[in-house]
Amino acid sequence: MPSFSDNSDAPGAASGMLGGAQFALGAAAAPLPGVLGSTTAQSTAVVVLGFVLFSAVALTTLARPWQGHGEPAGQP
């Protein structure tokens, strides 16, 4: 996974990859409420809840915040 650390050779490339991933996930998520069969707020809520759960699983499996990964405590 790209990082934005100070010693990175291409911080703009990492930013572009993360932005592109957000764009792709948003484009993939847009038609999902219609696929669920109805166009009510409930189908949208189900899709949002699904992505929230996906994000929580990704955070705990990839970032492992309890092990101290991420930004050092002394930096803003």
N, C-alpha and C. Protein backbone atom coordinates (compact mmCIF):
# COMPACT_ATOMS: atom_id res chain seq x y z
N MET A 1 0.84 -1.17 0.00
CA MET A 1 0.00 0.00 0.00
C MET A 1 0.88 1.24 0.00
N PRO A 2 0.60 2.19 -0.84
CA PRO A 2 1.42 3.39 -0.86
C PRO A 2 1.30 4.18 0.43
N SER A 3 2.36 4.89 0.75
CA SER A 3 2.32 5.71 1.96
C SER A 3 2.70 7.13 1.60
N PHE A 4 2.40 8.03 2.50
CA PHE A 4 2.71 9.44 2.31
C PHE A 4 3.89 9.87 3.17
N SER A 5 4.78 8.95 3.51
CA SER A 5 5.89 9.29 4.39
C SER A 5 6.86 10.24 3.70
N ASP A 6 7.68 10.89 4.52
CA ASP A 6 8.62 11.89 4.02
C ASP A 6 9.70 11.28 3.13
N ASN A 7 10.01 10.02 3.30
CA ASN A 7 11.08 9.41 2.52
C ASN A 7 10.56 8.74 1.24
N SER A 8 9.36 8.99 0.87
CA SER A 8 8.79 8.41 -0.34
C SER A 8 9.37 9.08 -1.57
N ASP A 9 9.61 8.30 -2.62
CA ASP A 9 10.13 8.84 -3.87
C ASP A 9 9.04 9.49 -4.71
N ALA A 10 7.81 9.07 -4.53
CA ALA A 10 6.74 9.58 -5.37
C ALA A 10 5.46 9.77 -4.56
N PRO A 11 5.40 10.79 -3.70
CA PRO A 11 4.17 10.98 -2.91
C PRO A 11 2.97 11.34 -3.77
N GLY A 12 3.18 11.99 -4.91
CA GLY A 12 2.07 12.31 -5.79
C GLY A 12 1.45 11.07 -6.40
N ALA A 13 2.29 10.07 -6.70
CA ALA A 13 1.78 8.82 -7.25
C ALA A 13 0.93 8.07 -6.22
N ALA A 14 1.36 8.08 -4.95
CA ALA A 14 0.58 7.42 -3.90
C ALA A 14 -0.76 8.11 -3.73
N SER A 15 -0.75 9.43 -3.77
CA SER A 15 -2.00 10.18 -3.65
C SER A 15 -2.93 9.89 -4.83
N GLY A 16 -2.36 9.80 -6.01
CA GLY A 16 -3.17 9.49 -7.19
C GLY A 16 -3.77 8.10 -7.14
N MET A 17 -3.00 7.15 -6.63
CA MET A 17 -3.52 5.78 -6.53
C MET A 17 -4.66 5.70 -5.52
N LEU A 18 -4.50 6.37 -4.38
CA LEU A 18 -5.57 6.35 -3.38
C LEU A 18 -6.82 7.06 -3.90
N GLY A 19 -6.64 8.18 -4.58
CA GLY A 19 -7.79 8.89 -5.15
C GLY A 19 -8.47 8.06 -6.23
N GLY A 20 -7.68 7.38 -7.05
CA GLY A 20 -8.25 6.52 -8.08
C GLY A 20 -9.02 5.35 -7.49
N ALA A 21 -8.51 4.81 -6.40
CA ALA A 21 -9.21 3.70 -5.74
C ALA A 21 -10.55 4.17 -5.18
N GLN A 22 -10.59 5.38 -4.59
CA GLN A 22 -11.85 5.92 -4.09
C GLN A 22 -12.83 6.13 -5.23
N PHE A 23 -12.34 6.64 -6.34
CA PHE A 23 -13.19 6.87 -7.50
C PHE A 23 -13.76 5.55 -8.02
N ALA A 24 -12.93 4.52 -8.10
CA ALA A 24 -13.38 3.22 -8.61
C ALA A 24 -14.40 2.58 -7.67
N LEU A 25 -14.16 2.66 -6.37
CA LEU A 25 -15.12 2.08 -5.42
C LEU A 25 -16.45 2.83 -5.44
N GLY A 26 -16.39 4.15 -5.59
CA GLY A 26 -17.62 4.93 -5.69
C GLY A 26 -18.40 4.58 -6.94
N ALA A 27 -17.69 4.39 -8.05
CA ALA A 27 -18.36 4.01 -9.30
C ALA A 27 -18.96 2.62 -9.22
N ALA A 28 -18.29 1.73 -8.51
CA ALA A 28 -18.82 0.36 -8.36
C ALA A 28 -20.01 0.34 -7.41
N ALA A 29 -20.03 1.22 -6.42
CA ALA A 29 -21.10 1.22 -5.42
C ALA A 29 -22.37 1.91 -5.91
N ALA A 30 -22.24 2.81 -6.87
CA ALA A 30 -23.40 3.60 -7.29
C ALA A 30 -24.58 2.76 -7.79
N PRO A 31 -24.38 1.74 -8.61
CA PRO A 31 -25.54 0.97 -9.08
C PRO A 31 -26.05 -0.10 -8.11
N LEU A 32 -25.35 -0.32 -7.02
CA LEU A 32 -25.74 -1.41 -6.12
C LEU A 32 -27.13 -1.25 -5.50
N PRO A 33 -27.57 -0.08 -5.08
CA PRO A 33 -28.95 0.01 -4.55
C PRO A 33 -30.01 -0.40 -5.58
N GLY A 34 -29.80 -0.09 -6.84
CA GLY A 34 -30.75 -0.50 -7.87
C GLY A 34 -30.74 -1.99 -8.10
N VAL A 35 -29.57 -2.62 -7.93
CA VAL A 35 -29.45 -4.07 -8.11
C VAL A 35 -30.21 -4.81 -7.01
N LEU A 36 -30.31 -4.17 -5.84
CA LEU A 36 -31.00 -4.81 -4.73
C LEU A 36 -32.51 -4.90 -4.94
N GLY A 37 -33.03 -4.28 -5.98
CA GLY A 37 -34.42 -4.48 -6.32
C GLY A 37 -35.33 -3.30 -6.09
N SER A 38 -35.04 -2.47 -5.14
CA SER A 38 -35.91 -1.33 -4.91
C SER A 38 -35.05 -0.07 -4.86
N THR A 39 -35.70 1.05 -5.06
CA THR A 39 -34.96 2.31 -5.06
C THR A 39 -35.29 3.14 -3.82
N THR A 40 -35.54 2.46 -2.73
CA THR A 40 -35.85 3.17 -1.48
C THR A 40 -34.56 3.48 -0.73
N ALA A 41 -34.71 4.23 0.33
CA ALA A 41 -33.56 4.56 1.16
C ALA A 41 -33.01 3.32 1.87
N GLN A 42 -33.85 2.31 2.03
CA GLN A 42 -33.39 1.11 2.71
C GLN A 42 -32.30 0.40 1.91
N SER A 43 -32.45 0.32 0.60
CA SER A 43 -31.42 -0.34 -0.21
C SER A 43 -30.11 0.45 -0.18
N THR A 44 -30.20 1.76 -0.17
CA THR A 44 -29.00 2.58 -0.06
C THR A 44 -28.34 2.39 1.30
N ALA A 45 -29.14 2.31 2.35
CA ALA A 45 -28.61 2.09 3.69
C ALA A 45 -27.91 0.74 3.80
N VAL A 46 -28.44 -0.27 3.13
CA VAL A 46 -27.82 -1.59 3.15
C VAL A 46 -26.45 -1.53 2.47
N VAL A 47 -26.36 -0.83 1.36
CA VAL A 47 -25.08 -0.69 0.65
C VAL A 47 -24.08 0.08 1.50
N VAL A 48 -24.51 1.16 2.12
CA VAL A 48 -23.61 1.95 2.97
C VAL A 48 -23.13 1.11 4.16
N LEU A 49 -24.04 0.37 4.78
CA LEU A 49 -23.67 -0.48 5.91
C LEU A 49 -22.67 -1.55 5.46
N GLY A 50 -22.87 -2.11 4.29
CA GLY A 50 -21.94 -3.10 3.76
C GLY A 50 -20.54 -2.53 3.58
N PHE A 51 -20.46 -1.32 3.05
CA PHE A 51 -19.16 -0.70 2.87
C PHE A 51 -18.53 -0.27 4.20
N VAL A 52 -19.34 0.09 5.18
CA VAL A 52 -18.80 0.40 6.51
C VAL A 52 -18.20 -0.85 7.13
N LEU A 53 -18.89 -1.98 7.00
CA LEU A 53 -18.35 -3.23 7.53
C LEU A 53 -17.08 -3.64 6.79
N PHE A 54 -17.08 -3.47 5.47
CA PHE A 54 -15.89 -3.76 4.67
C PHE A 54 -14.71 -2.89 5.11
N SER A 55 -14.97 -1.62 5.37
CA SER A 55 -13.92 -0.70 5.81
C SER A 55 -13.38 -1.10 7.18
N ALA A 56 -14.25 -1.51 8.07
CA ALA A 56 -13.82 -1.93 9.41
C ALA A 56 -12.94 -3.17 9.34
N VAL A 57 -13.33 -4.11 8.49
CA VAL A 57 -12.52 -5.32 8.32
C VAL A 57 -11.18 -4.98 7.69
N ALA A 58 -11.18 -4.10 6.70
CA ALA A 58 -9.92 -3.70 6.07
C ALA A 58 -9.01 -2.99 7.07
N LEU A 59 -9.57 -2.15 7.92
CA LEU A 59 -8.76 -1.45 8.92
C LEU A 59 -8.12 -2.43 9.89
N THR A 60 -8.89 -3.37 10.38
CA THR A 60 -8.35 -4.29 11.38
C THR A 60 -7.39 -5.30 10.79
N THR A 61 -7.57 -5.69 9.53
CA THR A 61 -6.68 -6.69 8.95
C THR A 61 -5.45 -6.07 8.28
N LEU A 62 -5.58 -4.90 7.71
CA LEU A 62 -4.46 -4.31 6.99
C LEU A 62 -3.66 -3.33 7.83
N ALA A 63 -4.33 -2.45 8.58
CA ALA A 63 -3.61 -1.41 9.32
C ALA A 63 -3.19 -1.86 10.71
N ARG A 64 -3.93 -2.74 11.33
CA ARG A 64 -3.65 -3.23 12.69
C ARG A 64 -3.30 -2.09 13.63
N PRO A 65 -4.26 -1.17 13.91
CA PRO A 65 -3.95 0.01 14.72
C PRO A 65 -3.51 -0.32 16.15
N TRP A 66 -3.89 -1.45 16.69
CA TRP A 66 -3.51 -1.80 18.06
C TRP A 66 -2.03 -2.16 18.15
N GLN A 67 -1.35 -2.39 17.01
CA GLN A 67 0.07 -2.70 17.03
C GLN A 67 0.93 -1.46 16.82
N GLY A 68 0.32 -0.29 16.77
CA GLY A 68 1.07 0.94 16.66
C GLY A 68 1.48 1.31 15.25
N HIS A 69 0.88 0.70 14.24
CA HIS A 69 1.19 1.07 12.87
C HIS A 69 0.55 2.42 12.55
N GLY A 70 1.13 3.14 11.63
CA GLY A 70 0.57 4.42 11.24
C GLY A 70 1.51 5.56 11.58
N GLU A 71 0.95 6.71 11.79
CA GLU A 71 1.75 7.90 12.06
C GLU A 71 2.35 7.83 13.45
N PRO A 72 3.60 8.27 13.60
CA PRO A 72 4.21 8.34 14.93
C PRO A 72 3.45 9.33 15.82
N ALA A 73 3.46 9.09 17.10
CA ALA A 73 2.67 9.91 18.02
C ALA A 73 3.18 11.34 18.12
N GLY A 74 4.46 11.58 17.86
CA GLY A 74 5.02 12.91 18.03
C GLY A 74 4.78 13.84 16.86
N GLN A 75 4.30 13.34 15.73
CA GLN A 75 4.08 14.19 14.56
C GLN A 75 2.64 14.67 14.50
N PRO A 76 2.44 15.90 13.95
CA PRO A 76 1.07 16.45 13.85
C PRO A 76 0.25 15.73 12.83
